[in-house]
N, C-alpha and C. Protein backbone atom coordinates (compact mmCIF):
# COMPACT_ATOMS: atom_id res chain seq x y z
N MET A 1 111.13 105.64 111.77
CA MET A 1 109.81 105.38 110.78
C MET A 1 108.83 104.71 111.67
N VAL A 2 109.14 103.83 112.62
CA VAL A 2 108.14 103.26 113.24
C VAL A 2 107.18 104.25 114.17
N PHE A 3 107.90 105.27 114.63
CA PHE A 3 107.23 106.12 115.39
C PHE A 3 106.25 106.95 114.61
N ALA A 4 106.82 107.33 113.37
CA ALA A 4 105.95 108.18 112.25
C ALA A 4 104.81 107.42 111.90
N GLY A 5 105.01 106.19 111.84
CA GLY A 5 103.91 105.16 111.20
C GLY A 5 102.84 105.00 112.42
N CYS A 6 103.18 105.26 113.61
CA CYS A 6 102.25 105.04 114.68
C CYS A 6 101.56 106.42 114.80
N VAL A 7 101.90 107.43 114.64
CA VAL A 7 101.37 108.65 114.88
C VAL A 7 100.54 109.29 113.70
N ALA A 8 101.08 108.87 112.33
CA ALA A 8 100.60 109.47 111.33
C ALA A 8 99.35 109.03 110.78
N ASN A 9 98.92 109.57 109.98
CA ASN A 9 97.44 109.06 109.28
C ASN A 9 97.79 107.75 108.53
N LEU A 10 96.90 106.88 108.43
CA LEU A 10 97.16 105.45 107.77
C LEU A 10 97.31 105.68 106.23
N ASP A 11 96.57 106.74 105.63
CA ASP A 11 96.69 106.95 104.11
C ASP A 11 98.10 107.38 103.96
N ALA A 12 98.55 108.32 104.77
CA ALA A 12 100.01 108.87 104.49
C ALA A 12 101.06 107.69 104.77
N VAL A 13 100.98 106.85 105.68
CA VAL A 13 101.90 105.65 105.90
C VAL A 13 101.76 104.87 104.66
N TRP A 14 100.74 104.56 104.10
CA TRP A 14 100.66 103.58 103.05
C TRP A 14 101.30 104.32 101.70
N GLU A 15 101.09 105.66 101.56
CA GLU A 15 101.80 106.47 100.43
C GLU A 15 103.25 106.40 100.76
N PHE A 16 103.64 106.60 101.88
CA PHE A 16 105.36 106.62 101.90
C PHE A 16 105.79 105.24 101.80
N ALA A 17 105.08 104.10 102.21
CA ALA A 17 105.48 102.68 101.98
C ALA A 17 105.52 102.37 100.39
N ASP A 18 104.44 102.89 99.77
CA ASP A 18 104.37 102.65 98.24
C ASP A 18 105.53 103.50 97.63
N CYS A 19 105.84 104.65 98.09
CA CYS A 19 106.94 105.34 97.45
C CYS A 19 108.25 104.72 97.66
N PHE A 20 108.53 104.32 98.93
CA PHE A 20 109.83 103.64 99.13
C PHE A 20 109.94 102.25 98.66
N ASN A 21 108.92 101.45 98.37
CA ASN A 21 108.89 100.32 97.52
C ASN A 21 109.15 100.51 96.10
N GLY A 22 108.88 101.64 95.73
CA GLY A 22 109.08 101.96 94.38
C GLY A 22 110.43 102.46 94.10
N LEU A 23 111.07 103.05 95.17
CA LEU A 23 112.53 103.50 95.17
C LEU A 23 113.52 102.20 95.12
N MET A 24 112.95 101.22 95.91
CA MET A 24 113.87 100.07 95.92
C MET A 24 113.99 99.39 94.57
N ALA A 25 113.05 99.62 93.46
CA ALA A 25 113.38 99.09 92.28
C ALA A 25 114.56 99.66 91.43
N ILE A 26 114.83 100.90 91.81
CA ILE A 26 115.87 101.65 91.07
C ILE A 26 117.25 100.80 91.12
N PRO A 27 117.74 100.36 92.36
CA PRO A 27 118.99 99.64 92.28
C PRO A 27 118.94 98.34 91.32
N ASN A 28 117.80 97.51 91.49
CA ASN A 28 117.56 96.57 90.72
C ASN A 28 117.61 96.73 89.19
N LEU A 29 116.94 97.87 88.72
CA LEU A 29 116.88 98.12 87.36
C LEU A 29 118.40 98.52 86.82
N ILE A 30 119.12 99.17 87.59
CA ILE A 30 120.32 99.51 87.26
C ILE A 30 121.42 98.14 87.22
N ALA A 31 121.17 97.25 88.12
CA ALA A 31 121.80 96.05 87.84
C ALA A 31 121.38 95.23 86.69
N LEU A 32 119.98 95.18 86.37
CA LEU A 32 119.54 94.53 85.08
C LEU A 32 120.20 95.24 83.83
N ILE A 33 120.41 96.35 83.93
CA ILE A 33 120.84 97.14 82.63
C ILE A 33 122.37 96.75 82.63
N ALA A 34 122.99 96.67 83.76
CA ALA A 34 124.38 96.34 83.69
C ALA A 34 124.87 94.93 83.28
N LEU A 35 123.97 94.05 83.80
CA LEU A 35 123.96 92.61 83.26
C LEU A 35 123.55 92.16 82.11
N ALA A 36 122.64 93.17 81.28
CA ALA A 36 122.12 92.82 80.04
C ALA A 36 123.04 92.29 78.93
N PRO A 37 124.41 92.64 78.90
CA PRO A 37 125.20 91.87 77.93
C PRO A 37 125.65 90.44 78.38
N VAL A 38 125.63 90.14 79.68
CA VAL A 38 125.90 88.83 80.13
C VAL A 38 124.64 88.00 79.84
N ILE A 39 123.53 88.47 80.11
CA ILE A 39 122.25 87.78 79.94
C ILE A 39 122.07 87.44 78.61
N ARG A 40 122.51 88.48 77.45
CA ARG A 40 122.40 88.07 76.18
C ARG A 40 123.20 87.04 75.74
N ARG A 41 124.36 86.96 76.21
CA ARG A 41 125.45 85.97 75.83
C ARG A 41 125.09 84.62 76.38
N LEU A 42 124.61 84.52 77.53
CA LEU A 42 124.06 83.24 78.04
C LEU A 42 122.89 82.78 77.40
N SER A 43 122.00 83.71 76.99
CA SER A 43 120.66 83.37 76.32
C SER A 43 121.16 82.77 74.88
N GLN A 44 122.12 83.52 74.10
CA GLN A 44 122.53 82.98 72.95
C GLN A 44 123.24 81.55 73.03
N ASP A 45 123.85 81.37 73.93
CA ASP A 45 124.59 80.02 74.18
C ASP A 45 123.41 79.16 74.41
N PHE A 46 122.53 79.35 75.26
CA PHE A 46 121.50 78.38 75.49
C PHE A 46 120.67 78.14 74.10
N PHE A 47 120.15 79.10 73.49
CA PHE A 47 119.37 78.91 72.41
C PHE A 47 120.05 78.50 71.08
N ARG A 48 121.33 78.40 71.31
CA ARG A 48 122.17 77.86 70.09
C ARG A 48 121.93 76.49 70.02
N ASP A 49 121.83 75.76 71.14
CA ASP A 49 121.56 74.29 71.17
C ASP A 49 120.83 73.91 72.53
N PRO A 50 119.45 74.26 72.60
CA PRO A 50 118.89 74.06 73.93
C PRO A 50 118.70 72.59 74.51
N ASP A 51 118.89 71.61 73.54
CA ASP A 51 118.81 70.31 73.94
C ASP A 51 120.00 69.62 74.70
N VAL A 52 121.23 70.54 74.66
CA VAL A 52 122.47 70.09 75.16
C VAL A 52 122.11 70.24 76.82
N ARG A 53 122.55 69.03 77.46
CA ARG A 53 122.39 69.21 78.96
C ARG A 53 123.82 69.69 79.51
N ARG A 54 123.62 70.82 80.09
CA ARG A 54 124.79 71.50 80.61
C ARG A 54 125.03 70.94 82.12
N PRO A 55 126.08 70.54 82.53
CA PRO A 55 126.33 69.95 83.98
C PRO A 55 126.52 71.28 84.85
N ARG A 56 126.08 71.04 86.21
CA ARG A 56 126.12 72.31 87.00
C ARG A 56 127.35 72.95 87.08
N ASP A 57 128.48 72.22 86.96
CA ASP A 57 129.85 72.74 87.04
C ASP A 57 130.37 73.38 85.80
N THR A 58 129.63 73.73 84.84
CA THR A 58 130.00 74.28 83.54
C THR A 58 130.57 75.73 83.62
N ASP A 59 131.83 75.92 83.23
CA ASP A 59 132.59 77.01 83.28
C ASP A 59 131.95 77.88 82.28
N TYR A 60 131.49 79.02 82.63
CA TYR A 60 130.95 80.18 81.79
C TYR A 60 131.85 81.31 81.80
N ASP A 61 133.15 81.13 82.24
CA ASP A 61 133.90 82.30 82.37
C ASP A 61 134.23 83.07 81.05
N GLY A 62 134.21 82.32 79.98
CA GLY A 62 134.35 82.98 78.66
C GLY A 62 133.11 83.67 78.36
N LEU A 63 132.04 83.39 78.72
CA LEU A 63 130.80 84.18 78.49
C LEU A 63 130.59 85.36 79.37
N LEU A 64 131.07 85.32 80.52
CA LEU A 64 130.79 86.39 81.68
C LEU A 64 131.64 87.45 81.59
N VAL A 65 132.69 87.41 80.59
CA VAL A 65 133.59 88.49 80.71
C VAL A 65 132.78 89.69 79.93
N PHE A 66 133.11 90.96 80.51
CA PHE A 66 132.29 92.13 79.99
C PHE A 66 133.07 92.78 78.85
N ARG A 67 132.60 92.30 77.70
CA ARG A 67 133.30 92.79 76.52
C ARG A 67 132.19 92.62 75.21
N ASP A 68 132.42 93.58 74.27
CA ASP A 68 131.63 93.44 73.19
C ASP A 68 132.20 92.60 72.17
N LYS A 69 131.47 91.75 71.45
CA LYS A 69 131.83 90.88 70.40
C LYS A 69 131.52 91.22 69.16
C-alpha cells in the first residue's frame, strides 16, 4: 500500500484511506452490539444508587454473565 500511495493520485489515496477507516468501525460496532447486555446491567447497577462509592476491586462477576434476566 505504501508503493500504491506513492504512485497513485492523491485524491484516490484519500478515498482509499477514508474507505478503510470506515471499514475499521465494523468490528467495533459488532463488539458494542455483543456487549450491550453487559453495559445495560452495569448501567442499571450504577443508576440504582449512583451515590454509592464502589471500590476499584468490586467484583462484578454476577453482572458480567451473558444471560437474560
